[in-house]
Amino acid sequence: MKFLHLLSSEASQSITFHCLSYQPSSTADSFSSSGHKENTRLRFRGWNKQMFEKDTLLEPHVLQDECKIQDGSWHQSRFLFHTQDSGQLPIVDIEEFPTSQINSQRNVEIGPVCFL
């Protein structure tokens, strides 16, 4: 990994949440199983331990945010991480991931890192 970081001037990666009657939120709010808002933020930890989160210089780009739709169908929320410091990727941890609601399902799809 160190070799890729040294040879690259930038990097990008995508993460997709697949959700069924579930709301992971677009990095801003989350909901408990009782439906009340919690004061948590979806945060992503990079390779060099820096955090990607909303309202920071390392805010991920929200490409699609459909998980807030709770109609019993599968939806997606997609995030793109692009940085000119290749040492920040790959994403190694997702913190303060909201707890799932009753009768909900979710999957996380971690995309490959593209070093440029």
N, C-alpha and C. Protein backbone atom coordinates (compact mmCIF):
# COMPACT_ATOMS: atom_id res chain seq x y z
N MET A 1 0.83 -1.18 0.00
CA MET A 1 0.00 0.00 0.00
C MET A 1 0.88 1.25 0.00
N LYS A 2 1.95 1.21 0.75
CA LYS A 2 2.85 2.37 0.82
C LYS A 2 3.40 2.71 -0.56
N PHE A 3 3.70 1.70 -1.36
CA PHE A 3 4.22 1.91 -2.71
C PHE A 3 3.19 2.65 -3.57
N LEU A 4 1.93 2.24 -3.49
CA LEU A 4 0.87 2.92 -4.24
C LEU A 4 0.71 4.37 -3.78
N HIS A 5 0.78 4.59 -2.49
CA HIS A 5 0.67 5.94 -1.96
C HIS A 5 1.82 6.83 -2.47
N LEU A 6 3.02 6.29 -2.50
CA LEU A 6 4.18 7.06 -2.93
C LEU A 6 4.13 7.41 -4.42
N LEU A 7 3.59 6.52 -5.24
CA LEU A 7 3.55 6.73 -6.68
C LEU A 7 2.33 7.50 -7.17
N SER A 8 1.39 7.80 -6.29
CA SER A 8 0.13 8.41 -6.70
C SER A 8 0.00 9.83 -6.18
N SER A 9 -0.63 10.68 -6.99
CA SER A 9 -0.86 12.06 -6.57
C SER A 9 -2.29 12.29 -6.11
N GLU A 10 -3.18 11.36 -6.41
CA GLU A 10 -4.56 11.45 -5.95
C GLU A 10 -5.18 10.06 -5.98
N ALA A 11 -6.35 9.96 -5.32
CA ALA A 11 -7.03 8.67 -5.24
C ALA A 11 -8.53 8.89 -5.11
N SER A 12 -9.31 7.88 -5.49
CA SER A 12 -10.76 7.95 -5.33
C SER A 12 -11.31 6.57 -4.98
N GLN A 13 -12.46 6.57 -4.32
CA GLN A 13 -13.11 5.34 -3.90
C GLN A 13 -14.59 5.63 -3.70
N SER A 14 -15.42 4.62 -3.91
CA SER A 14 -16.86 4.80 -3.68
C SER A 14 -17.35 3.77 -2.65
N ILE A 15 -18.37 4.17 -1.92
CA ILE A 15 -19.04 3.29 -0.96
C ILE A 15 -20.53 3.43 -1.20
N THR A 16 -21.21 2.28 -1.26
CA THR A 16 -22.65 2.28 -1.50
C THR A 16 -23.35 1.56 -0.37
N PHE A 17 -24.38 2.18 0.18
CA PHE A 17 -25.26 1.55 1.15
C PHE A 17 -26.50 1.07 0.41
N HIS A 18 -26.81 -0.20 0.51
CA HIS A 18 -28.05 -0.75 -0.04
C HIS A 18 -28.98 -0.92 1.15
N CYS A 19 -30.19 -0.38 1.07
CA CYS A 19 -31.06 -0.39 2.23
C CYS A 19 -32.51 -0.71 1.85
N LEU A 20 -33.16 -1.41 2.73
CA LEU A 20 -34.57 -1.77 2.57
C LEU A 20 -35.30 -1.25 3.80
N SER A 21 -36.18 -0.25 3.61
CA SER A 21 -36.92 0.40 4.71
C SER A 21 -35.99 0.80 5.83
N TYR A 22 -34.93 1.47 5.46
CA TYR A 22 -33.89 1.84 6.40
C TYR A 22 -33.31 3.17 5.98
N GLN A 23 -32.85 3.98 6.93
CA GLN A 23 -32.30 5.28 6.61
C GLN A 23 -30.92 5.46 7.23
N PRO A 24 -29.83 5.28 6.46
CA PRO A 24 -28.51 5.53 7.03
C PRO A 24 -28.16 7.01 7.05
N SER A 25 -28.89 7.85 6.37
CA SER A 25 -28.71 9.29 6.28
C SER A 25 -27.50 9.65 5.45
N SER A 26 -27.54 10.81 4.90
CA SER A 26 -26.48 11.26 4.02
C SER A 26 -25.38 11.94 4.82
N THR A 27 -24.82 11.25 5.76
CA THR A 27 -23.74 11.68 6.63
C THR A 27 -24.16 12.73 7.64
N ALA A 28 -25.43 13.08 7.72
CA ALA A 28 -25.83 14.16 8.61
C ALA A 28 -26.55 13.66 9.85
N ASP A 29 -27.68 13.01 9.69
CA ASP A 29 -28.49 12.58 10.82
C ASP A 29 -28.66 11.07 10.76
N SER A 30 -29.06 10.50 11.87
CA SER A 30 -29.43 9.09 11.87
C SER A 30 -30.62 8.93 12.79
N PHE A 31 -31.28 7.82 12.67
CA PHE A 31 -32.47 7.59 13.46
C PHE A 31 -32.29 6.31 14.26
N SER A 32 -32.81 6.31 15.46
CA SER A 32 -32.77 5.10 16.28
C SER A 32 -33.93 4.22 15.86
N SER A 33 -33.98 3.03 16.41
CA SER A 33 -35.06 2.11 16.06
C SER A 33 -36.42 2.63 16.50
N SER A 34 -36.45 3.58 17.40
CA SER A 34 -37.73 4.14 17.83
C SER A 34 -38.17 5.30 16.93
N GLY A 35 -37.30 5.71 15.98
CA GLY A 35 -37.66 6.78 15.07
C GLY A 35 -37.21 8.15 15.51
N HIS A 36 -36.59 8.29 16.67
CA HIS A 36 -36.12 9.58 17.15
C HIS A 36 -34.73 9.85 16.61
N LYS A 37 -34.48 11.11 16.29
CA LYS A 37 -33.15 11.48 15.80
C LYS A 37 -32.13 11.33 16.91
N GLU A 38 -30.97 10.86 16.50
CA GLU A 38 -29.84 10.80 17.41
C GLU A 38 -28.84 11.83 16.95
N ASN A 39 -27.97 12.27 17.84
CA ASN A 39 -26.95 13.24 17.48
C ASN A 39 -25.68 12.52 17.04
N THR A 40 -25.80 11.73 16.00
CA THR A 40 -24.65 11.02 15.47
C THR A 40 -24.46 11.41 14.02
N ARG A 41 -23.26 11.24 13.55
CA ARG A 41 -22.93 11.52 12.16
C ARG A 41 -22.23 10.30 11.60
N LEU A 42 -22.57 10.00 10.38
CA LEU A 42 -21.90 8.93 9.68
C LEU A 42 -20.51 9.44 9.30
N ARG A 43 -19.49 8.74 9.75
CA ARG A 43 -18.11 9.16 9.52
C ARG A 43 -17.32 8.00 8.95
N PHE A 44 -16.36 8.32 8.09
CA PHE A 44 -15.54 7.33 7.43
C PHE A 44 -14.08 7.59 7.79
N ARG A 45 -13.39 6.56 8.26
CA ARG A 45 -11.98 6.70 8.64
C ARG A 45 -11.11 6.24 7.47
N GLY A 46 -10.18 7.13 7.07
CA GLY A 46 -9.26 6.82 5.99
C GLY A 46 -8.04 6.05 6.46
N TRP A 47 -7.23 5.65 5.51
CA TRP A 47 -6.04 4.85 5.76
C TRP A 47 -5.11 5.53 6.77
N ASN A 48 -4.98 6.87 6.66
CA ASN A 48 -4.07 7.60 7.55
C ASN A 48 -4.78 8.10 8.81
N LYS A 49 -5.93 7.52 9.12
CA LYS A 49 -6.72 7.79 10.33
C LYS A 49 -7.51 9.10 10.29
N GLN A 50 -7.46 9.85 9.19
CA GLN A 50 -8.25 11.06 9.09
C GLN A 50 -9.71 10.69 8.82
N MET A 51 -10.62 11.56 9.30
CA MET A 51 -12.04 11.29 9.18
C MET A 51 -12.66 12.07 8.02
N PHE A 52 -13.46 11.36 7.23
CA PHE A 52 -14.28 11.98 6.20
C PHE A 52 -15.67 12.10 6.79
N GLU A 53 -16.20 13.33 6.88
CA GLU A 53 -17.53 13.54 7.41
C GLU A 53 -18.09 14.86 6.90
N LYS A 54 -19.39 15.03 7.08
CA LYS A 54 -20.07 16.21 6.59
C LYS A 54 -19.54 17.47 7.27
N ASP A 55 -19.53 18.57 6.51
CA ASP A 55 -19.12 19.89 6.99
C ASP A 55 -17.65 19.97 7.39
N THR A 56 -16.81 19.18 6.73
CA THR A 56 -15.37 19.28 6.94
C THR A 56 -14.71 19.37 5.57
N LEU A 57 -13.42 19.64 5.54
CA LEU A 57 -12.69 19.66 4.27
C LEU A 57 -12.68 18.30 3.60
N LEU A 58 -12.84 17.25 4.37
CA LEU A 58 -12.83 15.89 3.83
C LEU A 58 -14.25 15.33 3.70
N GLU A 59 -15.20 16.18 3.36
CA GLU A 59 -16.59 15.72 3.20
C GLU A 59 -16.72 14.87 1.95
N PRO A 60 -17.31 13.67 2.07
CA PRO A 60 -17.51 12.85 0.87
C PRO A 60 -18.59 13.46 -0.02
N HIS A 61 -18.48 13.21 -1.31
CA HIS A 61 -19.50 13.66 -2.25
C HIS A 61 -20.66 12.67 -2.21
N VAL A 62 -21.86 13.17 -2.02
CA VAL A 62 -23.05 12.31 -2.01
C VAL A 62 -23.55 12.24 -3.44
N LEU A 63 -23.40 11.08 -4.08
CA LEU A 63 -23.82 10.90 -5.45
C LEU A 63 -25.30 10.55 -5.56
N GLN A 64 -25.79 9.84 -4.57
CA GLN A 64 -27.18 9.39 -4.56
C GLN A 64 -27.59 9.21 -3.11
N ASP A 65 -28.78 9.66 -2.77
CA ASP A 65 -29.24 9.54 -1.38
C ASP A 65 -30.70 9.13 -1.38
N GLU A 66 -30.94 7.84 -1.58
CA GLU A 66 -32.31 7.34 -1.63
C GLU A 66 -32.69 6.50 -0.42
N CYS A 67 -31.77 6.27 0.50
CA CYS A 67 -32.08 5.43 1.65
C CYS A 67 -33.05 6.09 2.61
N LYS A 68 -33.27 7.38 2.45
CA LYS A 68 -34.27 8.03 3.29
C LYS A 68 -35.69 7.68 2.86
N ILE A 69 -35.83 7.09 1.68
CA ILE A 69 -37.14 6.65 1.20
C ILE A 69 -37.46 5.32 1.88
N GLN A 70 -38.51 5.29 2.63
CA GLN A 70 -38.87 4.08 3.37
C GLN A 70 -40.21 3.55 2.86
N ASP A 71 -40.17 2.92 1.69
CA ASP A 71 -41.38 2.40 1.08
C ASP A 71 -41.38 0.88 0.93
N GLY A 72 -40.46 0.22 1.59
CA GLY A 72 -40.40 -1.24 1.53
C GLY A 72 -39.63 -1.76 0.33
N SER A 73 -39.04 -0.89 -0.48
CA SER A 73 -38.24 -1.30 -1.63
C SER A 73 -36.76 -1.05 -1.34
N TRP A 74 -35.92 -1.70 -2.12
CA TRP A 74 -34.48 -1.48 -1.97
C TRP A 74 -34.10 -0.14 -2.58
N HIS A 75 -33.23 0.59 -1.88
CA HIS A 75 -32.72 1.88 -2.35
C HIS A 75 -31.22 1.93 -2.07
N GLN A 76 -30.58 2.98 -2.59
CA GLN A 76 -29.14 3.13 -2.41
C GLN A 76 -28.78 4.54 -1.98
N SER A 77 -27.71 4.63 -1.21
CA SER A 77 -27.03 5.89 -0.95
C SER A 77 -25.58 5.66 -1.34
N ARG A 78 -25.06 6.50 -2.24
CA ARG A 78 -23.71 6.33 -2.76
C ARG A 78 -22.85 7.53 -2.41
N PHE A 79 -21.63 7.24 -1.96
CA PHE A 79 -20.67 8.26 -1.57
C PHE A 79 -19.40 8.10 -2.39
N LEU A 80 -18.83 9.22 -2.81
CA LEU A 80 -17.57 9.20 -3.54
C LEU A 80 -16.53 9.95 -2.72
N PHE A 81 -15.38 9.35 -2.57
CA PHE A 81 -14.25 9.94 -1.86
C PHE A 81 -13.17 10.20 -2.89
N HIS A 82 -12.77 11.46 -3.03
CA HIS A 82 -11.70 11.83 -3.97
C HIS A 82 -10.77 12.78 -3.23
N THR A 83 -9.50 12.48 -3.26
CA THR A 83 -8.53 13.28 -2.52
C THR A 83 -7.22 13.40 -3.29
N GLN A 84 -6.53 14.50 -3.09
CA GLN A 84 -5.22 14.68 -3.70
C GLN A 84 -4.10 14.23 -2.75
N ASP A 85 -4.49 13.68 -1.63
CA ASP A 85 -3.54 13.04 -0.71
C ASP A 85 -3.86 11.55 -0.74
N SER A 86 -3.16 10.82 -1.58
CA SER A 86 -3.49 9.40 -1.78
C SER A 86 -3.35 8.57 -0.51
N GLY A 87 -2.65 9.07 0.48
CA GLY A 87 -2.49 8.36 1.75
C GLY A 87 -3.76 8.32 2.58
N GLN A 88 -4.79 9.07 2.18
CA GLN A 88 -6.05 9.08 2.93
C GLN A 88 -6.96 7.90 2.57
N LEU A 89 -6.71 7.26 1.46
CA LEU A 89 -7.54 6.13 1.04
C LEU A 89 -6.70 4.86 1.00
N PRO A 90 -7.30 3.72 1.23
CA PRO A 90 -8.72 3.39 1.23
C PRO A 90 -9.41 3.72 2.56
N ILE A 91 -10.75 3.73 2.51
CA ILE A 91 -11.56 3.85 3.72
C ILE A 91 -11.41 2.53 4.47
N VAL A 92 -11.09 2.62 5.75
CA VAL A 92 -10.84 1.41 6.53
C VAL A 92 -11.89 1.15 7.61
N ASP A 93 -12.74 2.18 7.89
CA ASP A 93 -13.73 2.00 8.95
C ASP A 93 -14.88 2.98 8.73
N ILE A 94 -16.07 2.55 9.11
CA ILE A 94 -17.25 3.40 9.10
C ILE A 94 -17.68 3.53 10.54
N GLU A 95 -17.70 4.76 11.06
CA GLU A 95 -18.01 4.99 12.46
C GLU A 95 -19.39 5.59 12.64
N GLU A 96 -19.96 5.34 13.80
CA GLU A 96 -21.27 5.84 14.19
C GLU A 96 -22.33 5.44 13.17
N PHE A 97 -22.20 4.20 12.70
CA PHE A 97 -23.16 3.64 11.76
C PHE A 97 -24.48 3.50 12.50
N PRO A 98 -25.58 4.06 11.99
CA PRO A 98 -26.86 4.01 12.70
C PRO A 98 -27.32 2.58 12.93
N THR A 99 -28.01 2.37 14.04
CA THR A 99 -28.55 1.06 14.33
C THR A 99 -29.71 0.78 13.38
N SER A 100 -29.87 -0.47 13.02
CA SER A 100 -30.93 -0.81 12.07
C SER A 100 -32.29 -0.82 12.76
N GLN A 101 -33.30 -0.57 11.97
CA GLN A 101 -34.67 -0.57 12.45
C GLN A 101 -35.23 -1.98 12.32
N ILE A 102 -36.32 -2.23 13.02
CA ILE A 102 -36.99 -3.51 12.92
C ILE A 102 -37.48 -3.68 11.49
N ASN A 103 -37.37 -4.89 10.96
CA ASN A 103 -37.79 -5.23 9.59
C ASN A 103 -37.01 -4.45 8.53
N SER A 104 -35.77 -4.14 8.78
CA SER A 104 -34.95 -3.47 7.77
C SER A 104 -33.74 -4.34 7.46
N GLN A 105 -33.22 -4.13 6.28
CA GLN A 105 -32.02 -4.83 5.86
C GLN A 105 -31.08 -3.81 5.25
N ARG A 106 -29.79 -4.08 5.35
CA ARG A 106 -28.80 -3.19 4.75
C ARG A 106 -27.56 -3.98 4.38
N ASN A 107 -26.91 -3.49 3.35
CA ASN A 107 -25.65 -4.03 2.90
C ASN A 107 -24.73 -2.86 2.57
N VAL A 108 -23.46 -3.04 2.80
CA VAL A 108 -22.48 -2.02 2.48
C VAL A 108 -21.57 -2.59 1.39
N GLU A 109 -21.41 -1.84 0.32
CA GLU A 109 -20.56 -2.24 -0.78
C GLU A 109 -19.38 -1.27 -0.83
N ILE A 110 -18.20 -1.80 -0.57
CA ILE A 110 -16.98 -0.99 -0.58
C ILE A 110 -16.31 -1.16 -1.95
N GLY A 111 -16.20 -0.06 -2.67
CA GLY A 111 -15.59 -0.11 -4.00
C GLY A 111 -14.08 -0.10 -3.93
N PRO A 112 -13.43 -0.45 -5.03
CA PRO A 112 -11.95 -0.44 -5.06
C PRO A 112 -11.43 0.99 -5.07
N VAL A 113 -10.19 1.15 -4.68
CA VAL A 113 -9.54 2.45 -4.71
C VAL A 113 -8.82 2.60 -6.04
N CYS A 114 -8.99 3.75 -6.65
CA CYS A 114 -8.30 4.06 -7.90
C CYS A 114 -7.20 5.07 -7.57
N PHE A 115 -5.95 4.65 -7.69
CA PHE A 115 -4.82 5.53 -7.45
C PHE A 115 -4.38 6.12 -8.78
N LEU A 116 -4.26 7.43 -8.83
CA LEU A 116 -3.88 8.12 -10.07
C LEU A 116 -2.51 8.76 -9.94
